[in-house]
PDB file of N, CA and C in Angstrom:
ATOM      1  N   MET A   1      -7.806  -6.063  26.887  1.00  0.00           N
ATOM      2  CA  MET A   1      -7.080  -5.725  26.280  1.00  0.00           C
ATOM      3  C   MET A   1      -7.508  -5.125  24.953  1.00  0.00           C
ATOM      4  N   ALA A   2      -6.678  -4.073  24.701  1.00  0.00           N
ATOM      5  CA  ALA A   2      -7.195  -3.091  23.178  1.00  0.00           C
ATOM      6  C   ALA A   2      -6.839  -4.212  22.103  1.00  0.00           C
ATOM      7  N   LYS A   3      -7.565  -3.902  20.905  1.00  0.00           N
ATOM      8  CA  LYS A   3      -6.991  -4.728  19.828  1.00  0.00           C
ATOM      9  C   LYS A   3      -5.939  -3.918  19.224  1.00  0.00           C
ATOM     10  N   PRO A   4      -4.780  -4.587  18.753  1.00  0.00           N
ATOM     11  CA  PRO A   4      -3.658  -4.039  18.159  1.00  0.00           C
ATOM     12  C   PRO A   4      -3.604  -3.345  17.225  1.00  0.00           C
ATOM     13  N   ARG A   5      -2.973  -2.180  16.941  1.00  0.00           N
ATOM     14  CA  ARG A   5      -3.397  -1.291  15.848  1.00  0.00           C
ATOM     15  C   ARG A   5      -2.552  -2.066  14.432  1.00  0.00           C
ATOM     16  N   PHE A   6      -1.636  -3.064  14.567  1.00  0.00           N
ATOM     17  CA  PHE A   6      -1.026  -3.335  13.219  1.00  0.00           C
ATOM     18  C   PHE A   6      -1.225  -4.698  13.468  1.00  0.00           C
ATOM     19  N   VAL A   7      -1.623  -5.432  12.281  1.00  0.00           N
ATOM     20  CA  VAL A   7      -1.717  -6.999  12.558  1.00  0.00           C
ATOM     21  C   VAL A   7      -1.166  -7.872  11.156  1.00  0.00           C
ATOM     22  N   ASP A   8       0.099  -6.983  10.782  1.00  0.00           N
ATOM     23  CA  ASP A   8       0.692  -7.508   9.558  1.00  0.00           C
ATOM     24  C   ASP A   8       1.569  -8.648   9.670  1.00  0.00           C
ATOM     25  N   ASP A   9       1.827  -9.315  10.948  1.00  0.00           N
ATOM     26  CA  ASP A   9       2.550 -10.620  11.001  1.00  0.00           C
ATOM     27  C   ASP A   9       1.912 -11.365  12.621  1.00  0.00           C
ATOM     28  N   PRO A  10       2.149 -12.312  12.652  1.00  0.00           N
ATOM     29  CA  PRO A  10       1.675 -13.287  13.847  1.00  0.00           C
ATOM     30  C   PRO A  10       2.171 -12.408  15.101  1.00  0.00           C
ATOM     31  N   LEU A  11       3.567 -11.964  14.846  1.00  0.00           N
ATOM     32  CA  LEU A  11       3.836 -11.053  16.288  1.00  0.00           C
ATOM     33  C   LEU A  11       3.417  -9.923  16.452  1.00  0.00           C
ATOM     34  N   SER A  12       2.652  -9.484  15.698  1.00  0.00           N
ATOM     35  CA  SER A  12       2.537  -8.029  16.133  1.00  0.00           C
ATOM     36  C   SER A  12       1.640  -7.393  17.136  1.00  0.00           C
ATOM     37  N   ALA A  13       0.797  -8.409  17.382  1.00  0.00           N
ATOM     38  CA  ALA A  13       0.171  -8.795  18.911  1.00  0.00           C
ATOM     39  C   ALA A  13       0.912  -8.581  19.950  1.00  0.00           C
ATOM     40  N   GLU A  14       2.005  -9.089  19.789  1.00  0.00           N
ATOM     41  CA  GLU A  14       2.829  -9.488  21.295  1.00  0.00           C
ATOM     42  C   GLU A  14       3.944  -8.289  20.983  1.00  0.00           C
ATOM     43  N   ILE A  15       4.094  -7.692  19.955  1.00  0.00           N
ATOM     44  CA  ILE A  15       4.942  -6.324  20.090  1.00  0.00           C
ATOM     45  C   ILE A  15       4.269  -5.475  20.462  1.00  0.00           C
ATOM     46  N   ASP A  16       2.912  -5.276  19.805  1.00  0.00           N
ATOM     47  CA  ASP A  16       2.305  -4.168  20.420  1.00  0.00           C
ATOM     48  C   ASP A  16       2.083  -4.361  21.972  1.00  0.00           C
ATOM     49  N   ARG A  17       1.519  -5.155  22.795  1.00  0.00           N
ATOM     50  CA  ARG A  17       1.645  -5.831  23.808  1.00  0.00           C
ATOM     51  C   ARG A  17       2.977  -5.323  24.834  1.00  0.00           C
ATOM     52  N   LEU A  18       3.845  -5.725  23.899  1.00  0.00           N
ATOM     53  CA  LEU A  18       5.545  -5.258  24.911  1.00  0.00           C
ATOM     54  C   LEU A  18       5.786  -3.741  24.649  1.00  0.00           C
ATOM     55  N   ALA A  19       5.615  -3.297  23.577  1.00  0.00           N
ATOM     56  CA  ALA A  19       5.469  -1.824  23.558  1.00  0.00           C
ATOM     57  C   ALA A  19       4.739  -0.943  24.456  1.00  0.00           C
ATOM     58  N   ARG A  20       3.662  -1.416  24.647  1.00  0.00           N
ATOM     59  CA  ARG A  20       2.750  -0.619  25.638  1.00  0.00           C
ATOM     60  C   ARG A  20       3.316  -0.923  26.930  1.00  0.00           C
ATOM     61  N   SER A  21       3.776  -2.289  27.309  1.00  0.00           N
ATOM     62  CA  SER A  21       3.997  -2.548  28.608  1.00  0.00           C
ATOM     63  C   SER A  21       5.517  -1.846  29.074  1.00  0.00           C
ATOM     64  N   CYS A  22       6.160  -1.301  28.011  1.00  0.00           N
ATOM     65  CA  CYS A  22       7.626  -0.856  28.355  1.00  0.00           C
ATOM     66  C   CYS A  22       7.792   0.819  28.548  1.00  0.00           C
ATOM     67  N   ASP A  23       8.784   1.146  29.446  1.00  0.00           N
ATOM     68  CA  ASP A  23       9.076   2.472  29.504  1.00  0.00           C
ATOM     69  C   ASP A  23       9.573   2.984  28.319  1.00  0.00           C
ATOM     70  N   HIS A  24       9.205   3.977  27.723  1.00  0.00           N
ATOM     71  CA  HIS A  24       9.281   4.862  26.231  1.00  0.00           C
ATOM     72  C   HIS A  24      10.486   4.855  26.424  1.00  0.00           C
ATOM     73  N   ARG A  25      11.462   5.248  27.245  1.00  0.00           N
ATOM     74  CA  ARG A  25      12.798   5.563  27.264  1.00  0.00           C
ATOM     75  C   ARG A  25      13.529   4.179  26.563  1.00  0.00           C
ATOM     76  N   VAL A  26      13.328   3.085  27.205  1.00  0.00           N
ATOM     77  CA  VAL A  26      13.712   1.817  26.884  1.00  0.00           C
ATOM     78  C   VAL A  26      13.454   1.569  25.395  1.00  0.00           C
ATOM     79  N   LEU A  27      12.365   1.736  25.180  1.00  0.00           N
ATOM     80  CA  LEU A  27      12.120   1.726  23.543  1.00  0.00           C
ATOM     81  C   LEU A  27      12.959   2.374  22.712  1.00  0.00           C
ATOM     82  N   ALA A  28      13.076   3.757  22.800  1.00  0.00           N
ATOM     83  CA  ALA A  28      13.756   4.690  22.215  1.00  0.00           C
ATOM     84  C   ALA A  28      15.110   4.250  22.241  1.00  0.00           C
ATOM     85  N   LEU A  29      15.728   3.689  23.131  1.00  0.00           N
ATOM     86  CA  LEU A  29      17.136   3.213  23.168  1.00  0.00           C
ATOM     87  C   LEU A  29      17.214   2.074  22.031  1.00  0.00           C
ATOM     88  N   TRP A  30      16.394   1.128  22.401  1.00  0.00           N
ATOM     89  CA  TRP A  30      16.426  -0.036  21.580  1.00  0.00           C
ATOM     90  C   TRP A  30      16.094   0.333  20.143  1.00  0.00           C
ATOM     91  N   ALA A  31      14.935   1.440  19.773  1.00  0.00           N
ATOM     92  CA  ALA A  31      14.862   1.772  18.231  1.00  0.00           C
ATOM     93  C   ALA A  31      15.984   2.584  17.659  1.00  0.00           C
ATOM     94  N   ALA A  32      16.845   3.499  18.618  1.00  0.00           N
ATOM     95  CA  ALA A  32      17.942   4.264  18.241  1.00  0.00           C
ATOM     96  C   ALA A  32      19.394   3.033  18.049  1.00  0.00           C
ATOM     97  N   GLU A  33      19.171   1.904  18.709  1.00  0.00           N
ATOM     98  CA  GLU A  33      20.459   0.894  18.165  1.00  0.00           C
ATOM     99  C   GLU A  33      19.954   0.107  17.155  1.00  0.00           C
ATOM    100  N   CYS A  34      18.872  -0.035  16.930  1.00  0.00           N
ATOM    101  CA  CYS A  34      18.548  -0.828  15.643  1.00  0.00           C
ATOM    102  C   CYS A  34      18.857  -0.137  14.687  1.00  0.00           C
ATOM    103  N   ALA A  35      18.431   1.359  14.458  1.00  0.00           N
ATOM    104  CA  ALA A  35      18.686   1.915  13.420  1.00  0.00           C
ATOM    105  C   ALA A  35      19.739   2.412  13.098  1.00  0.00           C
ATOM    106  N   GLU A  36      20.910   2.468  14.219  1.00  0.00           N
ATOM    107  CA  GLU A  36      22.183   2.509  13.894  1.00  0.00           C
ATOM    108  C   GLU A  36      23.109   1.522  13.364  1.00  0.00           C
ATOM    109  N   ARG A  37      22.484   0.482  13.625  1.00  0.00           N
ATOM    110  CA  ARG A  37      22.981  -0.776  13.122  1.00  0.00           C
ATOM    111  C   ARG A  37      23.021  -0.728  11.555  1.00  0.00           C
ATOM    112  N   VAL A  38      21.939  -0.153  10.794  1.00  0.00           N
ATOM    113  CA  VAL A  38      21.536  -0.223   9.413  1.00  0.00           C
ATOM    114  C   VAL A  38      22.085   1.165   8.780  1.00  0.00           C
ATOM    115  N   LEU A  39      22.365   1.917   9.388  1.00  0.00           N
ATOM    116  CA  LEU A  39      22.531   3.407   9.136  1.00  0.00           C
ATOM    117  C   LEU A  39      23.327   3.631   8.142  1.00  0.00           C
ATOM    118  N   PRO A  40      24.610   3.095   8.290  1.00  0.00           N
ATOM    119  CA  PRO A  40      25.555   3.077   7.322  1.00  0.00           C
ATOM    120  C   PRO A  40      25.256   2.338   5.963  1.00  0.00           C
ATOM    121  N   LEU A  41      24.554   1.261   5.950  1.00  0.00           N
ATOM    122  CA  LEU A  41      23.764   0.680   4.503  1.00  0.00           C
ATOM    123  C   LEU A  41      23.175   1.741   3.999  1.00  0.00           C
ATOM    124  N   PHE A  42      22.137   2.368   4.717  1.00  0.00           N
ATOM    125  CA  PHE A  42      21.408   3.384   4.296  1.00  0.00           C
ATOM    126  C   PHE A  42      22.150   5.004   3.773  1.00  0.00           C
ATOM    127  N   GLU A  43      22.968   4.901   4.604  1.00  0.00           N
ATOM    128  CA  GLU A  43      23.877   6.500   4.012  1.00  0.00           C
ATOM    129  C   GLU A  43      24.819   5.921   2.872  1.00  0.00           C
ATOM    130  N   LYS A  44      25.038   4.774   2.749  1.00  0.00           N
ATOM    131  CA  LYS A  44      25.855   4.334   1.427  1.00  0.00           C
ATOM    132  C   LYS A  44      24.936   4.242   0.429  1.00  0.00           C
ATOM    133  N   GLU A  45      23.856   4.221   0.428  1.00  0.00           N
ATOM    134  CA  GLU A  45      23.040   4.148  -0.835  1.00  0.00           C
ATOM    135  C   GLU A  45      22.385   6.027  -0.985  1.00  0.00           C
ATOM    136  N   PHE A  46      22.255   6.635   0.267  1.00  0.00           N
ATOM    137  CA  PHE A  46      21.578   7.984   0.119  1.00  0.00           C
ATOM    138  C   PHE A  46      22.267   8.703   0.879  1.00  0.00           C
ATOM    139  N   PRO A  47      23.625   9.019   0.461  1.00  0.00           N
ATOM    140  CA  PRO A  47      24.564   9.915   1.289  1.00  0.00           C
ATOM    141  C   PRO A  47      24.233  11.412   1.671  1.00  0.00           C
ATOM    142  N   GLN A  48      23.525  12.062   0.692  1.00  0.00           N
ATOM    143  CA  GLN A  48      22.772  13.428   0.960  1.00  0.00           C
ATOM    144  C   GLN A  48      21.766  13.229   2.043  1.00  0.00           C
ATOM    145  N   ASP A  49      20.950  12.339   2.323  1.00  0.00           N
ATOM    146  CA  ASP A  49      19.616  12.179   2.925  1.00  0.00           C
ATOM    147  C   ASP A  49      20.502  12.054   4.663  1.00  0.00           C
ATOM    148  N   ASP A  50      20.205  13.201   5.397  1.00  0.00           N
ATOM    149  CA  ASP A  50      20.720  13.075   6.622  1.00  0.00           C
ATOM    150  C   ASP A  50      19.246  12.908   7.730  1.00  0.00           C
ATOM    151  N   ARG A  51      18.361  12.642   7.387  1.00  0.00           N
ATOM    152  CA  ARG A  51      16.849  12.477   8.118  1.00  0.00           C
ATOM    153  C   ARG A  51      16.998  11.464   8.856  1.00  0.00           C
ATOM    154  N   PRO A  52      17.527  10.182   8.789  1.00  0.00           N
ATOM    155  CA  PRO A  52      17.671   9.080   9.754  1.00  0.00           C
ATOM    156  C   PRO A  52      18.752   9.570  10.803  1.00  0.00           C
ATOM    157  N   ARG A  53      20.001   9.818  10.526  1.00  0.00           N
ATOM    158  CA  ARG A  53      20.845  10.229  11.347  1.00  0.00           C
ATOM    159  C   ARG A  53      20.596  11.296  12.264  1.00  0.00           C
ATOM    160  N   THR A  54      19.682  12.358  11.772  1.00  0.00           N
ATOM    161  CA  THR A  54      19.327  13.699  12.468  1.00  0.00           C
ATOM    162  C   THR A  54      18.170  13.186  13.357  1.00  0.00           C
ATOM    163  N   ALA A  55      16.971  12.215  13.125  1.00  0.00           N
ATOM    164  CA  ALA A  55      16.232  11.432  13.905  1.00  0.00           C
ATOM    165  C   ALA A  55      17.139  10.594  15.023  1.00  0.00           C
ATOM    166  N   ILE A  56      17.874  10.043  14.664  1.00  0.00           N
ATOM    167  CA  ILE A  56      18.375   9.060  15.894  1.00  0.00           C
ATOM    168  C   ILE A  56      19.080  10.123  17.140  1.00  0.00           C
ATOM    169  N   LEU A  57      19.832  11.316  16.304  1.00  0.00           N
ATOM    170  CA  LEU A  57      20.069  12.015  17.069  1.00  0.00           C
ATOM    171  C   LEU A  57      19.088  12.554  18.062  1.00  0.00           C
ATOM    172  N   LYS A  58      18.186  13.193  17.752  1.00  0.00           N
ATOM    173  CA  LYS A  58      17.023  13.835  18.531  1.00  0.00           C
ATOM    174  C   LYS A  58      16.562  12.765  19.216  1.00  0.00           C
ATOM    175  N   LEU A  59      16.325  11.696  18.890  1.00  0.00           N
ATOM    176  CA  LEU A  59      15.540  10.463  19.747  1.00  0.00           C
ATOM    177  C   LEU A  59      17.010   9.998  21.215  1.00  0.00           C
ATOM    178  N   ARG A  60      17.877  10.357  20.879  1.00  0.00           N
ATOM    179  CA  ARG A  60      18.928   9.991  22.105  1.00  0.00           C
ATOM    180  C   ARG A  60      18.986  11.256  22.650  1.00  0.00           C
ATOM    181  N   GLU A  61      19.021  12.565  22.098  1.00  0.00           N
ATOM    182  CA  GLU A  61      18.915  13.873  23.116  1.00  0.00           C
ATOM    183  C   GLU A  61      17.612  13.696  23.917  1.00  0.00           C
ATOM    184  N   TRP A  62      16.047  13.134  23.259  1.00  0.00           N
ATOM    185  CA  TRP A  62      14.949  13.177  24.057  1.00  0.00           C
ATOM    186  C   TRP A  62      15.091  12.140  25.392  1.00  0.00           C
ATOM    187  N   GLU A  63      15.628  11.013  24.895  1.00  0.00           N
ATOM    188  CA  GLU A  63      16.027  10.095  26.187  1.00  0.00           C
ATOM    189  C   GLU A  63      16.860  10.323  27.391  1.00  0.00           C
ATOM    190  N   ARG A  64      18.013  11.293  26.617  1.00  0.00           N
ATOM    191  CA  ARG A  64      18.875  11.911  27.577  1.00  0.00           C
ATOM    192  C   ARG A  64      18.302  13.065  28.498  1.00  0.00           C
ATOM    193  N   THR A  65      17.724  14.073  27.894  1.00  0.00           N
ATOM    194  CA  THR A  65      17.093  15.073  28.624  1.00  0.00           C
ATOM    195  C   THR A  65      15.595  14.995  28.734  1.00  0.00           C
ATOM    196  N   GLY A  66      14.600  14.416  28.234  1.00  0.00           N
ATOM    197  CA  GLY A  66      13.572  14.351  28.336  1.00  0.00           C
ATOM    198  C   GLY A  66      12.566  15.328  27.338  1.00  0.00           C
ATOM    199  N   VAL A  67      13.375  16.264  26.933  1.00  0.00           N
ATOM    200  CA  VAL A  67      12.924  17.306  25.912  1.00  0.00           C
ATOM    201  C   VAL A  67      13.042  16.964  24.681  1.00  0.00           C
ATOM    202  N   PHE A  68      11.511  17.137  24.006  1.00  0.00           N
ATOM    203  CA  PHE A  68      11.595  16.455  22.565  1.00  0.00           C
ATOM    204  C   PHE A  68      11.564  18.079  21.869  1.00  0.00           C
ATOM    205  N   GLY A  69      12.891  18.054  20.924  1.00  0.00           N
ATOM    206  CA  GLY A  69      12.862  19.146  20.054  1.00  0.00           C
ATOM    207  C   GLY A  69      12.963  18.746  18.706  1.00  0.00           C
ATOM    208  N   CYS A  70      12.008  18.363  17.767  1.00  0.00           N
ATOM    209  CA  CYS A  70      12.188  18.136  16.726  1.00  0.00           C
ATOM    210  C   CYS A  70      11.380  19.408  15.793  1.00  0.00           C
ATOM    211  N   PRO A  71      12.093  20.391  15.325  1.00  0.00           N
ATOM    212  CA  PRO A  71      11.722  21.618  14.402  1.00  0.00           C
ATOM    213  C   PRO A  71      10.567  21.163  13.694  1.00  0.00           C
ATOM    214  N   ARG A  72      10.480  19.694  13.206  1.00  0.00           N
ATOM    215  CA  ARG A  72       9.566  19.480  11.723  1.00  0.00           C
ATOM    216  C   ARG A  72       8.195  19.469  12.385  1.00  0.00           C
ATOM    217  N   CYS A  73       8.252  18.817  13.984  1.00  0.00           N
ATOM    218  CA  CYS A  73       7.331  18.623  14.594  1.00  0.00           C
ATOM    219  C   CYS A  73       6.724  19.303  15.421  1.00  0.00           C
ATOM    220  N   ALA A  74       7.291  20.570  15.600  1.00  0.00           N
ATOM    221  CA  ALA A  74       6.783  21.745  16.518  1.00  0.00           C
ATOM    222  C   ALA A  74       5.562  22.084  15.828  1.00  0.00           C
ATOM    223  N   GLY A  75       4.481  22.133  16.928  1.00  0.00           N
ATOM    224  CA  GLY A  75       3.364  22.941  16.469  1.00  0.00           C
ATOM    225  C   GLY A  75       2.573  21.563  15.854  1.00  0.00           C
ATOM    226  N   ARG A  76       2.582  20.408  16.091  1.00  0.00           N
ATOM    227  CA  ARG A  76       1.889  19.408  15.508  1.00  0.00           C
ATOM    228  C   ARG A  76       1.143  18.694  16.698  1.00  0.00           C
ATOM    229  N   ARG A  77       1.427  18.901  17.779  1.00  0.00           N
ATOM    230  CA  ARG A  77       0.642  18.465  19.230  1.00  0.00           C
ATOM    231  C   ARG A  77      -1.084  18.968  19.339  1.00  0.00           C
TER     232      ARG A  77
END
């Protein structure tokens, strides 16, 4: 088994193992749902910053279509 990339918490190795063994679309849905729960708190503090909402929308679009379309990420491959 490969060494975990992060070890800031005792659960890090288990989280890393789980992330490597799960379908990426399942992880994307989980991440979007987690982010959506705290998005209102973020937007209350930073109403002009639309990056988290945009990222969630792009993540859900990728999960639905399989096409990753992030303008900021284009050409970074």
